[in-house]
Amino acid sequence: MVVSEEPLATFEEGAAAAAPVRPSSAPEPEEVDIGVSPAARKLAAEAGIDPAAVDGTGRAGRVTKEDVQRAIELEAGAEVEAVPSPATQLADDPAGAADEEGRVERRVPMTRLRATIARRLVEAQQTAAMLTTFNEVDMAPVMTMRSRYGEEFQERHNGTRLGFMGFFVRAAVEALKRFPSVNASIDGNDIVYHGYYDIGVAVSTDRGLVVPVIRDADALAMHQIEDAITEYGERARDGRLAIADVSGGTFTISNGGVFGSLLSTPILNPPQTAILGMHKIEDRPVVVDREVVVRPMMYLALSYDHRLIDGREAVRFLVTMKELVEDPARMLLEL
């Protein structure tokens, strides 16, 4: 304790003031890589990933946080999981651990892929003004075309099957050409309008959902689109996707109908501003030319970021998709 008028120090005449000594523990200024956003750099450091090895999709090739998240997701999907799947654990240990009342329960760590998916889904809902609009499409014309030309198509293109997804990818490309904002992305305060059409197709695997991207889908023939979908699906399930395979998409299509989903609300795949959800084809009564008939109908859902896409534009986009799928010749004639 210092009392009043007590001397604190004595200065001698002619003594030079000592220069302040910089603490040895003070870190040197860190060199900042302008090609990597701060958020991306932090996330990469936490995950132990070199940001220089990540393909940047931001302006001028800048690595964004979303790019690093996709890299983490891919690494988690490609690596051999140290923790077996719940199904495998149940098979290996059907008894499990019982509580005091004899009921069986099992606790397993969440895989890195599942944790990344969970984080991205929450971020998508928190950062985007997400809305969903719905419509339905009569699948009879596409089913008739597949029935009429499917066998010939398969023979002509070395065994490639004519599926439903190819029609929706082609229809999406034509609709995106008419509504550029649906093919755009948001980067900070900037809107990035893409002059290309890289369509992501969601694929479900045992480890989680991945979205490989069909590059320049507008330049591909139908059999090339179907081949790409098949190949990506096989590579995703085998854990053989590369970072480039899941980076940089401009629009995503998800088909929950393969699992029997009748209607759902897809969640955006940032930084994209829209995602199309396909669903189960089911015979339903509809009115055609003032008569009630039974048609194979599918519900379509378009989730979109209202910060960039207005409701009117989203509805018109989905109506365009409906018109193109219900009359496939319009895609060939670009009508």
Protein backbone atom coordinates (compact mmCIF):
# COMPACT_ATOMS: atom_id res chain seq x y z
CA MET A 1 0.00 0.00 0.00
CA VAL A 2 1.25 3.52 -0.84
CA VAL A 3 0.47 6.33 1.62
CA SER A 4 0.11 10.02 0.84
CA GLU A 5 3.36 11.90 -0.06
CA GLU A 6 5.43 8.70 -0.01
CA PRO A 7 8.16 8.75 -2.75
CA LEU A 8 7.69 6.17 -5.50
CA ALA A 9 11.01 6.51 -7.35
CA THR A 10 14.20 8.56 -7.57
CA PHE A 11 15.60 9.80 -10.91
CA GLU A 12 19.34 10.51 -11.26
CA GLU A 13 20.41 13.38 -13.47
CA GLY A 14 21.80 12.25 -16.83
CA ALA A 15 20.34 8.75 -16.68
CA ALA A 16 18.85 7.61 -20.00
CA ALA A 17 15.33 6.28 -20.07
CA ALA A 18 15.23 2.59 -20.86
CA ALA A 19 13.42 1.62 -24.05
CA PRO A 20 10.32 -0.46 -23.44
CA VAL A 21 11.08 -4.12 -23.76
CA ARG A 22 8.69 -6.10 -25.90
CA PRO A 23 7.57 -9.24 -24.04
CA SER A 24 9.18 -12.34 -25.48
CA SER A 25 5.82 -14.06 -25.51
CA ALA A 26 4.24 -11.48 -27.82
CA PRO A 27 3.48 -13.17 -31.16
CA GLU A 28 4.89 -11.90 -34.40
CA PRO A 29 2.37 -10.28 -36.76
CA GLU A 30 0.60 -13.04 -38.67
CA GLU A 31 0.82 -12.98 -42.43
CA VAL A 32 -2.70 -12.81 -43.82
CA ASP A 33 -3.60 -14.67 -46.99
CA ILE A 34 -6.02 -12.44 -48.90
CA GLY A 35 -7.15 -15.49 -50.87
CA VAL A 36 -8.79 -17.00 -47.78
CA SER A 37 -11.58 -15.36 -45.80
CA PRO A 38 -11.00 -15.03 -42.02
CA ALA A 39 -13.91 -17.34 -41.24
CA ALA A 40 -12.58 -19.94 -43.68
CA ARG A 41 -9.10 -19.70 -42.17
CA LYS A 42 -10.44 -20.21 -38.65
CA LEU A 43 -12.58 -23.19 -39.63
CA ALA A 44 -9.69 -24.76 -41.56
CA ALA A 45 -7.40 -24.39 -38.55
CA GLU A 46 -9.98 -26.03 -36.28
CA ALA A 47 -10.40 -28.95 -38.67
CA GLY A 48 -6.68 -29.32 -39.41
CA ILE A 49 -7.11 -28.61 -43.14
CA ASP A 50 -4.68 -26.61 -45.27
CA PRO A 51 -6.80 -23.85 -46.90
CA ALA A 52 -4.35 -23.76 -49.80
CA ALA A 53 -5.58 -27.21 -50.79
CA VAL A 54 -9.22 -26.09 -50.93
CA ASP A 55 -10.79 -24.94 -54.19
CA GLY A 56 -12.17 -21.43 -53.73
CA THR A 57 -15.56 -20.53 -55.20
CA GLY A 58 -15.65 -16.93 -53.98
CA ARG A 59 -14.79 -13.85 -55.96
CA ALA A 60 -11.41 -14.15 -57.73
CA GLY A 61 -11.06 -17.71 -56.40
CA ARG A 62 -11.26 -16.66 -52.73
CA VAL A 63 -11.70 -19.58 -50.33
CA THR A 64 -14.90 -19.09 -48.35
CA LYS A 65 -16.15 -20.71 -45.18
CA GLU A 66 -18.55 -22.83 -47.25
CA ASP A 67 -15.64 -24.12 -49.35
CA VAL A 68 -13.84 -25.32 -46.21
CA GLN A 69 -17.03 -26.90 -44.88
CA ARG A 70 -17.43 -28.86 -48.11
CA ALA A 71 -13.80 -29.99 -47.86
CA ILE A 72 -14.41 -31.19 -44.30
CA GLU A 73 -17.54 -33.02 -45.39
CA LEU A 74 -15.71 -34.70 -48.25
CA GLU A 75 -12.77 -35.73 -46.07
CA ALA A 76 -15.14 -37.19 -43.53
CA GLY A 77 -17.03 -39.09 -46.21
CA ALA A 78 -13.88 -40.46 -47.86
CA GLU A 79 -12.02 -41.52 -44.73
CA VAL A 80 -12.47 -44.89 -43.11
CA GLU A 81 -14.70 -44.17 -40.15
CA ALA A 82 -13.21 -45.15 -36.80
CA VAL A 83 -16.73 -45.45 -35.43
CA PRO A 84 -18.88 -48.10 -37.13
CA SER A 85 -22.38 -47.23 -38.26
CA PRO A 86 -25.29 -47.80 -35.84
CA ALA A 87 -26.50 -50.67 -38.01
CA THR A 88 -23.08 -52.34 -37.81
CA GLN A 89 -22.91 -51.81 -34.07
CA LEU A 90 -26.35 -53.34 -33.60
CA ALA A 91 -25.24 -56.36 -35.58
CA ASP A 92 -21.99 -56.68 -33.63
CA ASP A 93 -23.53 -56.00 -30.24
CA PRO A 94 -27.28 -56.71 -30.36
CA ALA A 95 -27.56 -56.71 -26.59
CA GLY A 96 -26.16 -53.23 -26.12
CA ALA A 97 -26.04 -51.63 -22.68
CA ALA A 98 -29.04 -51.82 -20.39
CA ASP A 99 -30.13 -49.16 -17.92
CA GLU A 100 -31.43 -49.83 -14.41
CA GLU A 101 -34.81 -50.86 -15.80
CA GLY A 102 -33.28 -53.25 -18.30
CA ARG A 103 -33.98 -51.14 -21.39
CA VAL A 104 -31.27 -51.17 -24.07
CA GLU A 105 -29.68 -47.97 -25.34
CA ARG A 106 -26.45 -47.16 -27.18
CA ARG A 107 -24.41 -43.96 -27.30
CA VAL A 108 -22.00 -43.44 -30.24
CA PRO A 109 -19.95 -40.38 -31.24
CA MET A 110 -21.32 -38.33 -34.12
CA THR A 111 -19.12 -38.74 -37.19
CA ARG A 112 -17.37 -35.69 -38.63
CA LEU A 113 -19.52 -35.89 -41.76
CA ARG A 114 -22.76 -35.99 -39.77
CA ALA A 115 -21.57 -33.15 -37.53
CA THR A 116 -20.68 -31.05 -40.58
CA ILE A 117 -24.05 -31.74 -42.20
CA ALA A 118 -25.83 -30.76 -39.00
CA ARG A 119 -23.87 -27.51 -38.70
CA ARG A 120 -24.45 -26.53 -42.32
CA LEU A 121 -28.19 -27.19 -42.15
CA VAL A 122 -28.52 -25.01 -39.06
CA GLU A 123 -26.44 -22.24 -40.64
CA ALA A 124 -28.55 -22.34 -43.79
CA GLN A 125 -31.71 -21.76 -41.78
CA GLN A 126 -30.14 -19.06 -39.64
CA THR A 127 -28.47 -17.02 -42.39
CA ALA A 128 -30.99 -17.24 -45.27
CA ALA A 129 -34.55 -15.96 -45.54
CA MET A 130 -35.72 -19.36 -46.70
CA LEU A 131 -39.19 -19.94 -48.14
CA THR A 132 -40.67 -22.85 -50.08
CA THR A 133 -43.21 -22.88 -52.90
CA PHE A 134 -44.94 -26.03 -54.19
CA ASN A 135 -46.47 -27.31 -57.39
CA GLU A 136 -47.31 -30.65 -58.94
CA VAL A 137 -46.34 -32.18 -62.26
CA ASP A 138 -48.01 -34.82 -64.40
CA MET A 139 -45.32 -37.44 -65.04
CA ALA A 140 -47.31 -39.32 -67.72
CA PRO A 141 -45.49 -37.71 -70.71
CA VAL A 142 -42.04 -38.54 -69.30
CA MET A 143 -43.12 -42.06 -68.35
CA THR A 144 -44.54 -42.59 -71.85
CA MET A 145 -41.30 -41.39 -73.42
CA ARG A 146 -39.23 -43.69 -71.21
CA SER A 147 -41.47 -46.62 -72.06
CA ARG A 148 -41.36 -45.88 -75.80
CA TYR A 149 -37.65 -45.07 -76.18
CA GLY A 150 -36.00 -46.52 -73.07
CA GLU A 151 -34.82 -49.78 -74.63
CA GLU A 152 -33.54 -48.09 -77.80
CA PHE A 153 -31.85 -45.39 -75.70
CA GLN A 154 -30.06 -48.02 -73.63
CA GLU A 155 -28.85 -49.91 -76.71
CA ARG A 156 -27.70 -46.74 -78.45
CA HIS A 157 -25.73 -45.42 -75.48
CA ASN A 158 -23.89 -48.52 -74.26
CA GLY A 159 -26.28 -49.59 -71.52
CA THR A 160 -27.13 -46.15 -70.11
CA ARG A 161 -30.66 -46.20 -68.67
CA LEU A 162 -33.06 -43.36 -69.34
CA GLY A 163 -34.02 -42.20 -65.84
CA PHE A 164 -36.21 -39.44 -64.45
CA MET A 165 -33.39 -37.29 -63.08
CA GLY A 166 -32.02 -36.52 -66.54
CA PHE A 167 -35.30 -34.86 -67.53
CA PHE A 168 -35.28 -32.71 -64.40
CA VAL A 169 -31.66 -31.67 -64.87
CA ARG A 170 -32.40 -30.61 -68.45
CA ALA A 171 -35.58 -28.82 -67.40
CA ALA A 172 -33.72 -27.07 -64.56
CA VAL A 173 -31.05 -25.77 -66.95
CA GLU A 174 -33.67 -24.31 -69.31
CA ALA A 175 -35.57 -22.72 -66.41
CA LEU A 176 -32.37 -21.30 -64.90
CA LYS A 177 -31.56 -19.61 -68.20
CA ARG A 178 -34.84 -17.71 -67.93
CA PHE A 179 -34.46 -16.86 -64.24
CA PRO A 180 -30.76 -16.03 -63.63
CA SER A 181 -31.22 -15.10 -59.98
CA VAL A 182 -32.21 -18.69 -59.17
CA ASN A 183 -28.79 -19.72 -60.53
CA ALA A 184 -26.98 -16.99 -58.57
CA SER A 185 -25.32 -16.94 -55.15
CA ILE A 186 -24.75 -14.39 -52.40
CA ASP A 187 -21.20 -13.50 -51.39
CA GLY A 188 -21.27 -10.99 -48.53
CA ASN A 189 -23.05 -7.93 -49.92
CA ASP A 190 -22.52 -9.04 -53.52
CA ILE A 191 -24.74 -11.05 -55.84
CA VAL A 192 -22.79 -13.41 -58.10
CA TYR A 193 -24.62 -14.27 -61.33
CA HIS A 194 -23.15 -17.42 -62.83
CA GLY A 195 -22.86 -17.75 -66.59
CA TYR A 196 -22.70 -21.54 -66.33
CA TYR A 197 -24.96 -24.28 -65.00
CA ASP A 198 -23.34 -26.65 -62.50
CA ILE A 199 -26.17 -28.77 -61.14
CA GLY A 200 -25.71 -30.58 -57.83
CA VAL A 201 -27.57 -33.87 -57.42
CA ALA A 202 -27.99 -34.93 -53.79
CA VAL A 203 -26.92 -38.53 -53.12
CA SER A 204 -27.67 -40.37 -49.89
CA THR A 205 -24.95 -42.66 -48.51
CA ASP A 206 -24.54 -44.70 -45.33
CA ARG A 207 -22.41 -41.87 -43.90
CA GLY A 208 -24.75 -39.02 -44.85
CA LEU A 209 -25.86 -36.79 -47.71
CA VAL A 210 -23.35 -35.56 -50.32
CA VAL A 211 -23.98 -33.39 -53.37
CA PRO A 212 -21.74 -34.14 -56.37
CA VAL A 213 -21.93 -31.53 -59.13
CA ILE A 214 -22.61 -32.10 -62.83
CA ARG A 215 -20.42 -29.46 -64.51
CA ASP A 216 -21.72 -27.46 -67.49
CA ALA A 217 -24.93 -29.45 -67.58
CA ASP A 218 -26.23 -27.24 -70.40
CA ALA A 219 -23.56 -28.66 -72.73
CA LEU A 220 -24.34 -32.32 -71.99
CA ALA A 221 -26.62 -34.69 -73.89
CA MET A 222 -29.21 -36.67 -71.98
CA HIS A 223 -27.12 -39.86 -71.90
CA GLN A 224 -24.09 -37.90 -70.61
CA ILE A 225 -26.19 -36.49 -67.78
CA GLU A 226 -27.46 -39.96 -66.87
CA ASP A 227 -23.92 -41.37 -67.00
CA ALA A 228 -22.66 -38.61 -64.70
CA ILE A 229 -25.46 -39.20 -62.20
CA THR A 230 -24.79 -42.94 -62.12
CA GLU A 231 -21.03 -42.54 -61.78
CA TYR A 232 -21.27 -39.94 -59.02
CA GLY A 233 -23.77 -42.07 -57.14
CA GLU A 234 -21.43 -45.07 -57.19
CA ARG A 235 -18.40 -43.00 -56.19
CA ALA A 236 -20.32 -41.32 -53.37
CA ARG A 237 -21.43 -44.63 -51.89
CA ASP A 238 -17.88 -45.99 -52.16
CA GLY A 239 -16.37 -42.86 -50.58
CA ARG A 240 -14.35 -42.03 -53.71
CA LEU A 241 -15.49 -38.47 -54.38
CA ALA A 242 -12.85 -35.76 -54.72
CA ILE A 243 -13.13 -32.23 -53.39
CA ALA A 244 -13.67 -30.91 -56.92
CA ASP A 245 -16.66 -33.25 -57.33
CA VAL A 246 -18.70 -31.53 -54.60
CA SER A 247 -17.53 -27.91 -54.92
CA GLY A 248 -18.98 -24.93 -56.72
CA GLY A 249 -22.52 -25.99 -57.70
CA THR A 250 -24.97 -23.26 -58.71
CA PHE A 251 -28.26 -25.16 -58.15
CA THR A 252 -29.22 -28.41 -56.41
CA ILE A 253 -31.81 -31.11 -57.04
CA SER A 254 -32.79 -33.54 -54.29
CA ASN A 255 -35.00 -36.57 -54.90
CA GLY A 256 -36.70 -37.70 -51.72
CA GLY A 257 -39.17 -39.70 -53.78
CA VAL A 258 -36.75 -42.63 -54.02
CA PHE A 259 -37.39 -43.18 -50.30
CA GLY A 260 -41.16 -42.77 -50.60
CA SER A 261 -41.42 -39.12 -49.53
CA LEU A 262 -44.66 -37.60 -50.78
CA LEU A 263 -43.91 -33.99 -49.80
CA SER A 264 -41.07 -32.22 -48.01
CA THR A 265 -39.27 -28.89 -47.68
CA PRO A 266 -35.65 -29.10 -48.91
CA ILE A 267 -33.03 -26.97 -47.15
CA LEU A 268 -30.73 -24.66 -49.11
CA ASN A 269 -27.19 -25.70 -49.96
CA PRO A 270 -25.19 -22.47 -49.25
CA PRO A 271 -24.10 -20.32 -50.95
CA GLN A 272 -26.72 -21.36 -53.52
CA THR A 273 -30.02 -19.51 -53.43
CA ALA A 274 -32.41 -22.30 -54.45
CA ILE A 275 -32.92 -26.06 -54.31
CA LEU A 276 -35.51 -28.24 -56.03
CA GLY A 277 -37.11 -31.17 -54.21
CA MET A 278 -38.59 -34.09 -56.17
CA HIS A 279 -40.97 -36.54 -54.55
CA LYS A 280 -42.77 -39.84 -54.97
CA ILE A 281 -44.82 -40.44 -58.11
CA GLU A 282 -48.32 -41.44 -57.09
CA ASP A 283 -51.52 -42.01 -59.03
CA ARG A 284 -54.05 -39.32 -58.12
CA PRO A 285 -57.35 -38.07 -59.57
CA VAL A 286 -56.92 -34.80 -61.45
CA VAL A 287 -59.08 -32.74 -63.77
CA VAL A 288 -58.02 -32.76 -67.44
CA ASP A 289 -60.24 -31.06 -70.01
CA ARG A 290 -63.02 -30.83 -67.40
CA GLU A 291 -62.93 -34.57 -66.78
CA VAL A 292 -61.60 -36.39 -63.73
CA VAL A 293 -58.84 -38.81 -64.72
CA VAL A 294 -56.11 -40.71 -62.87
CA ARG A 295 -52.57 -39.47 -63.54
CA PRO A 296 -49.12 -40.27 -62.12
CA MET A 297 -48.45 -37.04 -60.23
CA MET A 298 -45.40 -35.74 -58.42
CA TYR A 299 -45.16 -32.84 -55.99
CA LEU A 300 -42.29 -30.42 -56.59
CA ALA A 301 -40.90 -28.10 -53.92
CA LEU A 302 -38.61 -25.13 -54.53
CA SER A 303 -36.92 -23.68 -51.46
CA TYR A 304 -35.31 -20.31 -52.15
CA ASP A 305 -33.54 -17.42 -50.45
CA HIS A 306 -35.99 -14.53 -50.28
CA ARG A 307 -33.09 -12.09 -49.88
CA LEU A 308 -32.44 -12.50 -53.59
CA ILE A 309 -35.42 -14.28 -55.14
CA ASP A 310 -38.93 -12.82 -54.95
CA GLY A 311 -41.95 -15.06 -54.51
CA ARG A 312 -43.26 -14.21 -57.97
CA GLU A 313 -39.98 -15.25 -59.57
CA ALA A 314 -39.81 -18.48 -57.57
CA VAL A 315 -43.35 -19.45 -58.55
CA ARG A 316 -42.70 -18.68 -62.22
CA PHE A 317 -39.52 -20.76 -62.13
CA LEU A 318 -41.39 -23.74 -60.69
CA VAL A 319 -44.23 -23.34 -63.20
CA THR A 320 -41.64 -23.34 -65.99
CA MET A 321 -40.18 -26.58 -64.61
CA LYS A 322 -43.69 -28.08 -64.60
CA GLU A 323 -44.37 -27.04 -68.19
CA LEU A 324 -41.06 -28.43 -69.46
CA VAL A 325 -41.43 -31.80 -67.73
CA GLU A 326 -45.05 -32.20 -68.80
CA ASP A 327 -44.07 -31.45 -72.41
CA PRO A 328 -40.47 -32.65 -72.90
CA ALA A 329 -40.44 -31.50 -76.54
CA ARG A 330 -40.32 -27.93 -75.22
CA MET A 331 -36.84 -28.63 -73.87
CA LEU A 332 -35.60 -29.75 -77.27
CA LEU A 333 -37.17 -26.76 -79.00
CA GLU A 334 -36.26 -24.35 -76.15
CA LEU A 335 -39.83 -23.08 -75.94
